[in-house]
Amino acid sequence: MKFGKLNHLQNVDFRLPVDAESTQLFLSQKLGTSTAPKLYIGCTGWSMKEWVGSVYPSDAKSKDYLKHYTRQFNTIELNTTHYAIPSSDTVQKWYSESPSDFRFCPKIPQSISHSRNLGLGTGQVPLFCEVIALLREKLGCCFIQLPPHFSLDKIELLTQFLQGFPSEIPLAVEVRHSTWFETAAAREQFLALLQQYQRVAVITDVAGRRDVLHMGISAPQTMIRFVGNGLDKTDFERIDEWAQRLKEWYDNGLESAYFFTHEPDNILAPQLSAYLWQVSQIQLPHVRTRGPNISSNNNQEGQLSLF
């Protein structure tokens, strides 16, 4: 993930900002249900041969990577759908090879998200939704990653997209253009729009763009995309702070969170996921979750015991 990447971290303030004003109001409405809150922890793909011997068994074959991944994690930021709408057979294979508590979070294809009109009137949106609905109860939350040039002045187009997107398909929205965050009013306008359509505001925690760390909750769920820096000490300190903030949100009614870890080339992302899972067992004992068991064969495991 290159968005917001920095080579030097010395001057970065990694502290989490206070919640957006609308978050406090939204959570005060007591969104919680009688079911236990859930935390879904995952990475951005399963086709990583570098994980064999650590995340995957030492004799793992590439054709079995998905099965091994879904036994270690309980969700995935599914980037493969960003490049093409998958076939029905492919989606059904994903479904059959994953356990019952696993949740897929497919990225909306770029033929929709990066098109001039967000795919409106092209048939792409209903086609994607028809296919991805084959995941049934294993469909977590789709998300649309709007391009860097998609600015606040296109909010009417985003509104039209939200109006036309099937209500039965969970959806999160990630905006990147600085105009969405330049003022508190702009940020609250974005969050209010998503609250109106009961859609999730993606929160991105990355070194070079602290403005996108808007801390806005617009639905009973949230989605956090966390970008680490090679298992730097600050990666673990940030996870600690996130666990505390999630506890506050869960205690005030948040139902579920999808937390995706990114690292350079994503080779070390499972180690960060494993740390989050370890912390969650202490800080979030009432939250249902599971996370990876990283093999001692991996030479980065020692990092986890340092924090």
Protein backbone atom coordinates (compact mmCIF):
# COMPACT_ATOMS: atom_id res chain seq x y z
CA MET A 1 0.00 0.00 0.00
CA LYS A 2 1.80 3.14 -1.25
CA PHE A 3 -0.87 5.69 -0.29
CA GLY A 4 0.48 7.87 2.52
CA LYS A 5 3.79 6.00 2.73
CA LEU A 6 6.74 7.80 4.36
CA ASN A 7 10.39 6.82 4.49
CA HIS A 8 11.07 8.77 7.69
CA LEU A 9 8.80 8.62 10.75
CA GLN A 10 10.56 10.93 13.19
CA ASN A 11 8.09 13.80 12.91
CA VAL A 12 4.86 11.81 12.65
CA ASP A 13 2.33 12.16 15.44
CA PHE A 14 0.85 8.66 15.55
CA ARG A 15 -1.59 9.36 18.38
CA LEU A 16 -5.22 8.68 17.54
CA PRO A 17 -7.27 11.86 17.21
CA VAL A 18 -10.38 12.37 19.31
CA ASP A 19 -13.57 10.93 17.87
CA ALA A 20 -15.45 12.89 15.26
CA GLU A 21 -18.30 14.85 16.81
CA SER A 22 -20.89 12.74 15.00
CA THR A 23 -19.28 9.53 16.30
CA GLN A 24 -20.04 10.46 19.89
CA LEU A 25 -23.63 11.32 18.96
CA PHE A 26 -24.09 8.19 16.86
CA LEU A 27 -22.77 5.83 19.51
CA SER A 28 -24.80 7.56 22.22
CA GLN A 29 -27.90 6.20 20.50
CA LYS A 30 -27.03 2.76 21.95
CA LEU A 31 -26.57 0.86 18.73
CA GLY A 32 -25.58 -2.38 20.42
CA THR A 33 -27.58 -5.60 20.12
CA SER A 34 -27.90 -8.51 22.50
CA THR A 35 -25.28 -10.46 20.53
CA ALA A 36 -21.60 -10.33 21.41
CA PRO A 37 -19.59 -7.70 19.51
CA LYS A 38 -17.17 -9.02 16.90
CA LEU A 39 -13.68 -8.13 15.72
CA TYR A 40 -12.55 -9.38 12.34
CA ILE A 41 -8.77 -9.37 11.81
CA GLY A 42 -7.14 -9.92 8.42
CA CYS A 43 -4.71 -8.99 5.69
CA THR A 44 -5.09 -8.12 2.02
CA GLY A 45 -4.59 -11.43 0.21
CA TRP A 46 -3.70 -15.06 0.62
CA SER A 47 -1.33 -15.69 -2.32
CA MET A 48 1.86 -15.10 -0.37
CA LYS A 49 4.48 -17.81 -0.80
CA GLU A 50 6.60 -15.95 1.77
CA TRP A 51 4.10 -17.09 4.44
CA VAL A 52 4.84 -20.79 3.91
CA GLY A 53 6.52 -22.13 7.04
CA SER A 54 5.16 -19.36 9.27
CA VAL A 55 1.55 -18.48 8.54
CA TYR A 56 1.04 -21.55 6.37
CA PRO A 57 2.37 -25.08 6.97
CA SER A 58 5.85 -25.74 5.62
CA ASP A 59 4.43 -28.13 3.02
CA ALA A 60 1.59 -25.85 1.89
CA LYS A 61 0.78 -25.81 -1.83
CA SER A 62 -0.40 -22.67 -3.57
CA LYS A 63 -3.77 -24.23 -4.40
CA ASP A 64 -4.42 -24.58 -0.67
CA TYR A 65 -3.38 -21.07 0.40
CA LEU A 66 -6.99 -19.89 0.75
CA LYS A 67 -7.88 -22.77 3.05
CA HIS A 68 -4.83 -22.11 5.22
CA TYR A 69 -5.49 -18.35 5.25
CA THR A 70 -9.10 -18.70 6.38
CA ARG A 71 -8.06 -20.97 9.25
CA GLN A 72 -5.62 -18.34 10.51
CA PHE A 73 -7.67 -15.17 9.95
CA ASN A 74 -11.40 -14.51 10.07
CA THR A 75 -11.59 -11.88 7.33
CA ILE A 76 -9.77 -10.56 4.26
CA GLU A 77 -9.53 -7.29 2.39
CA LEU A 78 -10.24 -8.90 -0.97
CA ASN A 79 -8.25 -6.86 -3.47
CA THR A 80 -8.57 -9.28 -6.35
CA THR A 81 -12.12 -8.03 -7.02
CA HIS A 82 -10.74 -4.53 -7.58
CA TYR A 83 -9.35 -5.65 -10.93
CA ALA A 84 -12.23 -7.73 -12.26
CA ILE A 85 -15.64 -9.03 -11.29
CA PRO A 86 -15.07 -12.67 -10.34
CA SER A 87 -16.99 -15.51 -11.90
CA SER A 88 -19.76 -17.30 -10.04
CA ASP A 89 -17.64 -20.45 -9.90
CA THR A 90 -14.77 -18.53 -8.28
CA VAL A 91 -17.01 -17.00 -5.62
CA GLN A 92 -18.58 -20.36 -4.84
CA LYS A 93 -15.09 -21.84 -4.47
CA TRP A 94 -14.18 -19.10 -1.98
CA TYR A 95 -17.33 -19.90 -0.06
CA SER A 96 -16.77 -23.66 0.04
CA GLU A 97 -13.11 -23.39 1.14
CA SER A 98 -13.68 -21.07 4.12
CA PRO A 99 -15.07 -21.80 7.60
CA SER A 100 -18.46 -20.58 8.78
CA ASP A 101 -17.14 -17.62 10.81
CA PHE A 102 -15.02 -16.21 7.98
CA ARG A 103 -16.03 -12.93 6.29
CA PHE A 104 -14.91 -11.69 2.87
CA CYS A 105 -14.65 -7.91 2.31
CA PRO A 106 -14.43 -7.47 -1.47
CA LYS A 107 -13.18 -4.24 -2.97
CA ILE A 108 -15.53 -2.72 -5.56
CA PRO A 109 -14.02 -3.17 -9.08
CA GLN A 110 -12.09 -0.20 -10.42
CA SER A 111 -14.32 -0.32 -13.50
CA ILE A 112 -16.89 1.15 -11.10
CA SER A 113 -14.89 3.08 -8.50
CA HIS A 114 -12.56 4.78 -10.98
CA SER A 115 -15.06 5.42 -13.75
CA ARG A 116 -16.34 8.89 -14.54
CA ASN A 117 -19.83 8.17 -13.18
CA LEU A 118 -19.10 5.40 -10.63
CA GLY A 119 -20.60 2.85 -12.98
CA LEU A 120 -24.08 4.30 -12.79
CA GLY A 121 -26.25 3.10 -15.66
CA THR A 122 -23.66 0.63 -16.96
CA GLY A 123 -24.89 -2.60 -15.39
CA GLN A 124 -21.57 -3.09 -13.62
CA VAL A 125 -22.92 -2.47 -10.11
CA PRO A 126 -25.83 -4.96 -10.29
CA LEU A 127 -23.56 -7.54 -11.95
CA PHE A 128 -20.95 -7.25 -9.22
CA CYS A 129 -23.57 -7.40 -6.47
CA GLU A 130 -25.29 -10.40 -8.01
CA VAL A 131 -22.06 -12.37 -8.10
CA ILE A 132 -20.69 -11.30 -4.73
CA ALA A 133 -24.00 -12.11 -3.04
CA LEU A 134 -23.12 -15.78 -3.62
CA LEU A 135 -20.90 -15.45 -0.55
CA ARG A 136 -24.16 -15.37 1.43
CA GLU A 137 -23.52 -15.12 5.18
CA LYS A 138 -19.75 -15.00 4.56
CA LEU A 139 -20.04 -11.62 2.87
CA GLY A 140 -18.63 -9.16 5.37
CA CYS A 141 -18.58 -5.63 3.97
CA CYS A 142 -17.79 -4.59 0.41
CA PHE A 143 -15.89 -1.35 0.13
CA ILE A 144 -15.38 1.23 -2.56
CA GLN A 145 -12.01 2.97 -2.60
CA LEU A 146 -12.56 6.23 -4.42
CA PRO A 147 -9.61 7.55 -6.45
CA PRO A 148 -7.35 10.35 -5.13
CA HIS A 149 -8.94 12.91 -7.47
CA PHE A 150 -12.49 12.24 -6.21
CA SER A 151 -13.05 15.46 -4.27
CA LEU A 152 -15.81 16.85 -2.09
CA ASP A 153 -17.37 18.66 -5.04
CA LYS A 154 -18.41 15.22 -6.35
CA ILE A 155 -20.56 14.50 -3.32
CA GLU A 156 -23.74 14.53 -5.40
CA LEU A 157 -22.32 11.75 -7.56
CA LEU A 158 -21.46 9.76 -4.45
CA THR A 159 -25.00 10.36 -3.18
CA GLN A 160 -26.44 8.98 -6.42
CA PHE A 161 -24.19 5.94 -6.12
CA LEU A 162 -25.32 5.28 -2.55
CA GLN A 163 -28.95 5.71 -3.54
CA GLY A 164 -28.59 3.11 -6.28
CA PHE A 165 -26.42 0.57 -4.46
CA PRO A 166 -28.46 -2.44 -3.23
CA SER A 167 -29.36 -1.93 0.41
CA GLU A 168 -28.92 -5.63 1.21
CA ILE A 169 -25.20 -5.54 0.28
CA PRO A 170 -23.06 -4.10 3.14
CA LEU A 171 -20.83 -1.27 1.89
CA ALA A 172 -17.97 0.86 3.20
CA VAL A 173 -16.63 3.99 1.52
CA GLU A 174 -13.04 5.26 1.51
CA VAL A 175 -12.32 8.81 0.34
CA ARG A 176 -8.80 10.16 -0.08
CA HIS A 177 -8.95 13.66 -1.52
CA SER A 178 -7.97 16.25 1.09
CA THR A 179 -11.15 18.31 0.59
CA TRP A 180 -13.16 15.71 2.52
CA PHE A 181 -11.09 16.47 5.63
CA GLU A 182 -9.99 20.11 5.29
CA THR A 183 -12.65 21.28 7.71
CA ALA A 184 -14.73 19.67 10.42
CA ALA A 185 -17.82 20.66 8.45
CA ALA A 186 -16.63 18.78 5.36
CA ARG A 187 -15.83 15.68 7.39
CA GLU A 188 -19.20 15.78 9.14
CA GLN A 189 -20.96 16.22 5.80
CA PHE A 190 -19.31 13.02 4.57
CA LEU A 191 -20.19 11.10 7.74
CA ALA A 192 -23.78 12.37 7.73
CA LEU A 193 -24.22 11.16 4.17
CA LEU A 194 -23.01 7.69 5.07
CA GLN A 195 -25.15 7.63 8.21
CA GLN A 196 -28.17 8.50 6.09
CA TYR A 197 -27.63 5.41 3.94
CA GLN A 198 -26.32 3.24 6.80
CA ARG A 199 -22.93 2.81 5.15
CA VAL A 200 -19.51 2.47 6.80
CA ALA A 201 -16.85 5.19 6.68
CA VAL A 202 -13.45 3.54 6.14
CA ILE A 203 -10.82 4.80 8.59
CA THR A 204 -7.25 4.71 7.28
CA ASP A 205 -4.30 4.90 9.68
CA VAL A 206 -1.20 5.68 7.62
CA ALA A 207 1.91 7.72 8.40
CA GLY A 208 1.82 10.23 5.56
CA ARG A 209 -1.88 11.17 5.64
CA ARG A 210 -3.07 11.72 9.17
CA ASP A 211 -6.12 13.62 7.90
CA VAL A 212 -7.77 10.42 6.66
CA LEU A 213 -7.71 9.16 10.25
CA HIS A 214 -11.07 10.83 10.73
CA MET A 215 -12.37 8.61 13.59
CA GLY A 216 -15.88 8.74 12.22
CA ILE A 217 -18.49 6.06 12.93
CA SER A 218 -21.42 6.11 10.54
CA ALA A 219 -22.90 2.62 11.01
CA PRO A 220 -23.02 -0.15 13.63
CA GLN A 221 -19.82 -1.46 12.01
CA THR A 222 -16.50 0.14 11.17
CA MET A 223 -13.60 -0.72 8.87
CA ILE A 224 -10.01 0.19 9.73
CA ARG A 225 -7.13 -0.06 7.26
CA PHE A 226 -3.92 0.08 9.29
CA VAL A 227 -0.63 0.68 7.48
CA GLY A 228 2.47 -0.32 9.44
CA ASN A 229 6.11 0.52 8.82
CA GLY A 230 8.02 -2.74 8.77
CA LEU A 231 7.10 -3.70 12.36
CA ASP A 232 8.61 -0.50 13.68
CA LYS A 233 8.10 -0.01 17.43
CA THR A 234 5.41 2.53 16.64
CA ASP A 235 3.36 -0.12 14.81
CA PHE A 236 2.82 -1.99 18.06
CA GLU A 237 2.23 1.16 20.09
CA ARG A 238 -0.45 2.20 17.61
CA ILE A 239 -2.13 -1.22 17.85
CA ASP A 240 -2.22 -0.83 21.65
CA GLU A 241 -3.98 2.50 21.30
CA TRP A 242 -6.40 1.10 18.73
CA ALA A 243 -7.38 -1.71 21.08
CA GLN A 244 -8.27 0.86 23.73
CA ARG A 245 -10.31 2.98 21.30
CA LEU A 246 -12.14 -0.09 20.01
CA LYS A 247 -12.98 -1.01 23.58
CA GLU A 248 -14.57 2.39 24.07
CA TRP A 249 -16.56 2.03 20.86
CA TYR A 250 -17.70 -1.50 21.69
CA ASP A 251 -18.70 -0.43 25.18
CA ASN A 252 -20.85 2.29 23.62
CA GLY A 253 -22.66 0.08 21.12
CA LEU A 254 -20.39 -0.71 18.17
CA GLU A 255 -21.37 -4.13 16.85
CA SER A 256 -18.37 -5.14 14.76
CA ALA A 257 -15.07 -3.94 13.33
CA TYR A 258 -13.02 -5.10 10.36
CA PHE A 259 -9.33 -4.42 10.98
CA PHE A 260 -6.91 -4.96 8.09
CA THR A 261 -3.15 -4.80 8.62
CA HIS A 262 -0.81 -3.64 5.87
CA GLU A 263 2.98 -3.74 5.84
CA PRO A 264 5.51 -3.03 3.05
CA ASP A 265 4.92 -5.79 0.46
CA ASN A 266 2.55 -7.23 3.11
CA ILE A 267 5.05 -9.95 4.00
CA LEU A 268 5.01 -8.95 7.67
CA ALA A 269 1.32 -8.06 7.90
CA PRO A 270 0.40 -11.34 9.67
CA GLN A 271 2.77 -10.52 12.52
CA LEU A 272 0.89 -7.29 13.13
CA SER A 273 -2.44 -9.13 12.94
CA ALA A 274 -1.14 -11.66 15.46
CA TYR A 275 -0.20 -8.86 17.84
CA LEU A 276 -3.64 -7.29 17.53
CA TRP A 277 -5.21 -10.64 18.33
CA GLN A 278 -2.98 -11.06 21.38
CA VAL A 279 -3.86 -7.59 22.63
CA SER A 280 -7.56 -8.12 21.97
CA GLN A 281 -7.63 -11.18 24.21
CA ILE A 282 -6.56 -8.94 27.09
CA GLN A 283 -8.23 -5.63 26.25
CA LEU A 284 -11.38 -6.97 24.56
CA PRO A 285 -12.27 -10.22 26.36
CA HIS A 286 -15.99 -9.79 25.62
CA VAL A 287 -15.43 -9.43 21.86
CA ARG A 288 -15.66 -12.48 19.64
CA THR A 289 -12.61 -12.79 17.40
CA ARG A 290 -9.73 -15.03 16.38
CA GLY A 291 -6.32 -14.41 14.89
CA PRO A 292 -3.22 -16.05 13.44
CA ASN A 293 -0.86 -18.37 15.25
CA ILE A 294 2.50 -17.47 13.76
CA SER A 295 5.03 -20.33 13.62
CA SER A 296 8.32 -19.99 15.49
CA ASN A 297 10.00 -20.68 12.15
CA ASN A 298 9.39 -17.05 11.30
CA ASN A 299 12.32 -14.90 12.34
CA GLN A 300 10.09 -11.90 13.04
CA GLU A 301 8.11 -13.60 15.80
CA GLY A 302 10.45 -12.26 18.43
CA GLN A 303 9.15 -8.79 17.64
CA LEU A 304 5.83 -9.71 19.21
CA SER A 305 7.31 -10.36 22.61
CA LEU A 306 8.91 -6.94 22.79
CA PHE A 307 5.69 -5.00 23.30
